Amino acid sequence: MANVLEELEKLSVAERLQLVEDLWDSIARSTAEVPIPQWQKDELARRKEIYLRTPESVLTWDQAKCDLLQSTYCSQVDRNSGIVCSVFHCAQDPDKWRERLT
């Protein structure tokens, strides 16, 4: 594995970012079950409780999408499920990611 990492570090930043994107896409296509740690389950339960107490405090998908499009942060969204796969800074090429959100 160390040899693989050494080879990957020889790639340009743009090539490594593309590789990360490709890896996320391959994970999204995978049918393998991804284990969910207890801390994530706890956090989801906490957020659900907040939503149930104050549903007006959350953003709709359209509001969140609008906020993302107006910021320097962009999100990769699975077009079939609408699930946000990743959110990261994309100031170098925001238009590329805005296309994915529209």
N, C-alpha and C. Protein backbone atom coordinates (compact mmCIF):
# COMPACT_ATOMS: atom_id res chain seq x y z
N MET A 1 0.82 -1.19 0.00
CA MET A 1 0.00 0.00 0.00
C MET A 1 0.86 1.26 0.00
N ALA A 2 2.00 1.21 0.72
CA ALA A 2 2.89 2.37 0.78
C ALA A 2 3.41 2.72 -0.61
N ASN A 3 3.70 1.69 -1.42
CA ASN A 3 4.18 1.94 -2.79
C ASN A 3 3.11 2.63 -3.62
N VAL A 4 1.88 2.23 -3.44
CA VAL A 4 0.77 2.84 -4.16
C VAL A 4 0.65 4.31 -3.79
N LEU A 5 0.74 4.61 -2.50
CA LEU A 5 0.65 6.00 -2.05
C LEU A 5 1.80 6.84 -2.61
N GLU A 6 2.99 6.26 -2.65
CA GLU A 6 4.13 6.99 -3.22
C GLU A 6 3.89 7.31 -4.68
N GLU A 7 3.31 6.37 -5.42
CA GLU A 7 3.01 6.60 -6.83
C GLU A 7 1.91 7.65 -6.99
N LEU A 8 0.92 7.60 -6.13
CA LEU A 8 -0.16 8.59 -6.19
C LEU A 8 0.34 10.00 -5.91
N GLU A 9 1.29 10.11 -5.02
CA GLU A 9 1.83 11.43 -4.70
C GLU A 9 2.60 12.05 -5.86
N LYS A 10 2.96 11.26 -6.84
CA LYS A 10 3.63 11.77 -8.04
C LYS A 10 2.65 12.44 -9.00
N LEU A 11 1.36 12.16 -8.82
CA LEU A 11 0.34 12.76 -9.68
C LEU A 11 0.17 14.23 -9.33
N SER A 12 -0.30 15.00 -10.29
CA SER A 12 -0.59 16.41 -10.02
C SER A 12 -1.80 16.49 -9.09
N VAL A 13 -2.01 17.64 -8.49
CA VAL A 13 -3.16 17.84 -7.62
C VAL A 13 -4.45 17.60 -8.40
N ALA A 14 -4.52 18.12 -9.61
CA ALA A 14 -5.73 17.93 -10.43
C ALA A 14 -5.98 16.44 -10.69
N GLU A 15 -4.93 15.68 -10.96
CA GLU A 15 -5.09 14.24 -11.21
C GLU A 15 -5.53 13.51 -9.94
N ARG A 16 -4.99 13.92 -8.80
CA ARG A 16 -5.39 13.28 -7.54
C ARG A 16 -6.84 13.62 -7.19
N LEU A 17 -7.26 14.86 -7.46
CA LEU A 17 -8.66 15.22 -7.22
C LEU A 17 -9.58 14.41 -8.12
N GLN A 18 -9.19 14.22 -9.37
CA GLN A 18 -10.00 13.41 -10.27
C GLN A 18 -10.07 11.97 -9.77
N LEU A 19 -8.96 11.47 -9.26
CA LEU A 19 -8.94 10.12 -8.71
C LEU A 19 -9.88 9.99 -7.52
N VAL A 20 -9.88 11.00 -6.64
CA VAL A 20 -10.78 10.99 -5.49
C VAL A 20 -12.23 10.96 -5.98
N GLU A 21 -12.53 11.78 -6.97
CA GLU A 21 -13.89 11.80 -7.53
C GLU A 21 -14.26 10.44 -8.09
N ASP A 22 -13.34 9.84 -8.82
CA ASP A 22 -13.59 8.52 -9.40
C ASP A 22 -13.80 7.46 -8.32
N LEU A 23 -13.01 7.55 -7.24
CA LEU A 23 -13.18 6.61 -6.13
C LEU A 23 -14.54 6.75 -5.48
N TRP A 24 -14.98 8.01 -5.24
CA TRP A 24 -16.30 8.24 -4.64
C TRP A 24 -17.39 7.69 -5.56
N ASP A 25 -17.24 7.91 -6.86
CA ASP A 25 -18.23 7.39 -7.81
C ASP A 25 -18.30 5.87 -7.75
N SER A 26 -17.13 5.22 -7.63
CA SER A 26 -17.11 3.76 -7.57
C SER A 26 -17.76 3.26 -6.29
N ILE A 27 -17.57 3.98 -5.19
CA ILE A 27 -18.21 3.61 -3.93
C ILE A 27 -19.72 3.77 -4.04
N ALA A 28 -20.16 4.85 -4.67
CA ALA A 28 -21.59 5.10 -4.84
C ALA A 28 -22.25 4.01 -5.68
N ARG A 29 -21.51 3.46 -6.64
CA ARG A 29 -22.06 2.39 -7.50
C ARG A 29 -22.04 1.03 -6.81
N SER A 30 -21.25 0.90 -5.77
CA SER A 30 -21.08 -0.37 -5.09
C SER A 30 -22.37 -0.79 -4.39
N THR A 31 -22.61 -2.09 -4.39
CA THR A 31 -23.78 -2.62 -3.68
C THR A 31 -23.40 -3.10 -2.28
N ALA A 32 -22.11 -3.00 -1.93
CA ALA A 32 -21.67 -3.43 -0.60
C ALA A 32 -22.25 -2.51 0.46
N GLU A 33 -22.60 -3.09 1.57
CA GLU A 33 -23.14 -2.30 2.68
C GLU A 33 -22.01 -1.61 3.41
N VAL A 34 -22.17 -0.33 3.62
CA VAL A 34 -21.17 0.46 4.34
C VAL A 34 -21.61 0.54 5.80
N PRO A 35 -20.75 0.08 6.71
CA PRO A 35 -21.13 0.14 8.13
C PRO A 35 -21.26 1.59 8.60
N ILE A 36 -22.25 1.83 9.44
CA ILE A 36 -22.47 3.17 9.99
C ILE A 36 -22.04 3.15 11.45
N PRO A 37 -21.04 3.97 11.80
CA PRO A 37 -20.58 3.99 13.19
C PRO A 37 -21.68 4.51 14.12
N GLN A 38 -21.61 4.10 15.37
CA GLN A 38 -22.62 4.50 16.35
C GLN A 38 -22.70 6.01 16.50
N TRP A 39 -21.55 6.70 16.44
CA TRP A 39 -21.57 8.16 16.61
C TRP A 39 -22.38 8.83 15.51
N GLN A 40 -22.35 8.26 14.29
CA GLN A 40 -23.14 8.84 13.21
C GLN A 40 -24.63 8.58 13.43
N LYS A 41 -24.97 7.39 13.90
CA LYS A 41 -26.36 7.08 14.22
C LYS A 41 -26.88 8.02 15.30
N ASP A 42 -26.03 8.26 16.31
CA ASP A 42 -26.42 9.17 17.40
C ASP A 42 -26.64 10.58 16.87
N GLU A 43 -25.76 11.03 15.99
CA GLU A 43 -25.89 12.38 15.43
C GLU A 43 -27.15 12.50 14.58
N LEU A 44 -27.45 11.48 13.79
CA LEU A 44 -28.68 11.50 13.00
C LEU A 44 -29.92 11.54 13.88
N ALA A 45 -29.88 10.76 14.96
CA ALA A 45 -31.02 10.77 15.90
C ALA A 45 -31.17 12.15 16.54
N ARG A 46 -30.05 12.78 16.89
CA ARG A 46 -30.09 14.11 17.49
C ARG A 46 -30.69 15.12 16.51
N ARG A 47 -30.24 15.06 15.27
CA ARG A 47 -30.75 16.00 14.26
C ARG A 47 -32.22 15.76 13.95
N LYS A 48 -32.63 14.50 13.94
CA LYS A 48 -34.03 14.18 13.69
C LYS A 48 -34.90 14.75 14.81
N GLU A 49 -34.43 14.62 16.04
CA GLU A 49 -35.17 15.15 17.19
C GLU A 49 -35.32 16.67 17.08
N ILE A 50 -34.26 17.35 16.68
CA ILE A 50 -34.33 18.80 16.49
C ILE A 50 -35.34 19.14 15.40
N TYR A 51 -35.30 18.39 14.32
CA TYR A 51 -36.25 18.63 13.22
C TYR A 51 -37.70 18.41 13.69
N LEU A 52 -37.92 17.34 14.42
CA LEU A 52 -39.29 17.05 14.87
C LEU A 52 -39.81 18.13 15.82
N ARG A 53 -38.91 18.72 16.61
CA ARG A 53 -39.31 19.79 17.52
C ARG A 53 -39.50 21.11 16.79
N THR A 54 -38.66 21.38 15.79
CA THR A 54 -38.70 22.67 15.09
C THR A 54 -38.47 22.47 13.59
N PRO A 55 -39.46 21.93 12.87
CA PRO A 55 -39.27 21.65 11.45
C PRO A 55 -38.96 22.89 10.61
N GLU A 56 -39.36 24.06 11.09
CA GLU A 56 -39.09 25.29 10.33
C GLU A 56 -37.61 25.69 10.40
N SER A 57 -36.82 25.03 11.25
CA SER A 57 -35.42 25.40 11.42
C SER A 57 -34.49 24.77 10.38
N VAL A 58 -35.02 23.90 9.55
CA VAL A 58 -34.18 23.23 8.56
C VAL A 58 -34.40 23.83 7.18
N LEU A 59 -33.43 23.63 6.30
CA LEU A 59 -33.53 24.10 4.93
C LEU A 59 -34.14 23.03 4.05
N THR A 60 -34.91 23.45 3.07
CA THR A 60 -35.36 22.51 2.05
C THR A 60 -34.17 22.22 1.14
N TRP A 61 -34.28 21.17 0.33
CA TRP A 61 -33.21 20.87 -0.62
C TRP A 61 -32.98 22.06 -1.56
N ASP A 62 -34.04 22.69 -2.03
CA ASP A 62 -33.88 23.84 -2.93
C ASP A 62 -33.14 24.98 -2.25
N GLN A 63 -33.42 25.24 -0.96
CA GLN A 63 -32.71 26.29 -0.23
C GLN A 63 -31.24 25.93 -0.05
N ALA A 64 -30.97 24.69 0.32
CA ALA A 64 -29.59 24.25 0.51
C ALA A 64 -28.82 24.32 -0.81
N LYS A 65 -29.47 23.88 -1.88
CA LYS A 65 -28.84 23.92 -3.20
C LYS A 65 -28.52 25.35 -3.60
N CYS A 66 -29.43 26.27 -3.35
CA CYS A 66 -29.21 27.68 -3.66
C CYS A 66 -28.03 28.21 -2.86
N ASP A 67 -27.96 27.87 -1.58
CA ASP A 67 -26.84 28.31 -0.76
C ASP A 67 -25.52 27.77 -1.30
N LEU A 68 -25.51 26.51 -1.72
CA LEU A 68 -24.30 25.93 -2.28
C LEU A 68 -23.87 26.62 -3.56
N LEU A 69 -24.84 26.91 -4.41
CA LEU A 69 -24.52 27.55 -5.68
C LEU A 69 -23.99 28.96 -5.50
N GLN A 70 -24.35 29.62 -4.42
CA GLN A 70 -23.91 30.99 -4.17
C GLN A 70 -22.61 31.05 -3.37
N SER A 71 -22.12 29.91 -2.92
CA SER A 71 -20.91 29.91 -2.11
C SER A 71 -19.72 29.42 -2.94
N THR A 72 -18.56 29.42 -2.31
CA THR A 72 -17.38 28.87 -2.97
C THR A 72 -17.22 27.40 -2.65
N TYR A 73 -18.22 26.85 -2.00
CA TYR A 73 -18.22 25.42 -1.73
C TYR A 73 -19.23 24.77 -2.64
N CYS A 74 -18.90 23.61 -3.14
CA CYS A 74 -19.80 22.93 -4.06
C CYS A 74 -19.99 21.50 -3.58
N SER A 75 -20.97 20.87 -4.14
CA SER A 75 -21.31 19.53 -3.71
C SER A 75 -21.47 18.63 -4.91
N GLN A 76 -21.03 17.42 -4.75
CA GLN A 76 -21.28 16.43 -5.78
C GLN A 76 -22.54 15.68 -5.36
N VAL A 77 -23.52 15.66 -6.25
CA VAL A 77 -24.81 15.08 -5.92
C VAL A 77 -25.09 13.90 -6.84
N ASP A 78 -25.50 12.79 -6.25
CA ASP A 78 -25.92 11.64 -7.03
C ASP A 78 -27.23 12.02 -7.70
N ARG A 79 -27.24 12.08 -9.02
CA ARG A 79 -28.43 12.53 -9.76
C ARG A 79 -29.63 11.60 -9.58
N ASN A 80 -29.39 10.32 -9.33
CA ASN A 80 -30.50 9.38 -9.17
C ASN A 80 -31.17 9.50 -7.81
N SER A 81 -30.36 9.60 -6.77
CA SER A 81 -30.93 9.61 -5.42
C SER A 81 -31.05 11.01 -4.83
N GLY A 82 -30.28 11.97 -5.37
CA GLY A 82 -30.26 13.30 -4.80
C GLY A 82 -29.41 13.40 -3.55
N ILE A 83 -28.66 12.34 -3.24
CA ILE A 83 -27.83 12.32 -2.05
C ILE A 83 -26.56 13.13 -2.30
N VAL A 84 -26.24 13.99 -1.37
CA VAL A 84 -25.00 14.76 -1.46
C VAL A 84 -23.85 13.83 -1.10
N CYS A 85 -22.96 13.60 -2.06
CA CYS A 85 -21.85 12.68 -1.83
C CYS A 85 -20.67 13.35 -1.16
N SER A 86 -20.44 14.59 -1.50
CA SER A 86 -19.30 15.28 -0.89
C SER A 86 -19.48 16.78 -1.03
N VAL A 87 -18.93 17.47 -0.08
CA VAL A 87 -18.93 18.93 -0.12
C VAL A 87 -17.49 19.36 0.11
N PHE A 88 -16.98 20.18 -0.78
CA PHE A 88 -15.61 20.62 -0.63
C PHE A 88 -15.41 21.94 -1.35
N HIS A 89 -14.31 22.57 -1.07
CA HIS A 89 -14.00 23.86 -1.66
C HIS A 89 -13.67 23.65 -3.14
N CYS A 90 -14.30 24.42 -4.00
CA CYS A 90 -14.06 24.24 -5.43
C CYS A 90 -13.84 25.58 -6.11
N ALA A 91 -13.15 26.47 -5.44
CA ALA A 91 -12.95 27.81 -5.99
C ALA A 91 -12.20 27.77 -7.31
N GLN A 92 -11.39 26.74 -7.54
CA GLN A 92 -10.63 26.67 -8.78
C GLN A 92 -11.52 26.46 -9.99
N ASP A 93 -12.59 25.71 -9.84
CA ASP A 93 -13.48 25.45 -10.97
C ASP A 93 -14.92 25.32 -10.51
N PRO A 94 -15.50 26.39 -9.95
CA PRO A 94 -16.86 26.29 -9.40
C PRO A 94 -17.91 25.99 -10.46
N ASP A 95 -17.71 26.43 -11.69
CA ASP A 95 -18.72 26.19 -12.72
C ASP A 95 -18.90 24.71 -13.01
N LYS A 96 -17.80 23.95 -12.95
CA LYS A 96 -17.88 22.50 -13.18
C LYS A 96 -18.85 21.87 -12.18
N TRP A 97 -18.78 22.31 -10.91
CA TRP A 97 -19.61 21.70 -9.88
C TRP A 97 -21.01 22.29 -9.88
N ARG A 98 -21.16 23.53 -10.29
CA ARG A 98 -22.49 24.12 -10.39
C ARG A 98 -23.31 23.36 -11.43
N GLU A 99 -22.65 22.93 -12.52
CA GLU A 99 -23.33 22.14 -13.55
C GLU A 99 -23.92 20.87 -12.96
N ARG A 100 -23.21 20.27 -12.03
CA ARG A 100 -23.68 19.02 -11.43
C ARG A 100 -24.88 19.21 -10.54
N LEU A 101 -25.04 20.42 -10.00
CA LEU A 101 -26.15 20.69 -9.10
C LEU A 101 -27.42 21.12 -9.84
N THR A 102 -27.29 21.51 -11.10
CA THR A 102 -28.46 22.00 -11.83
C THR A 102 -28.97 20.96 -12.78
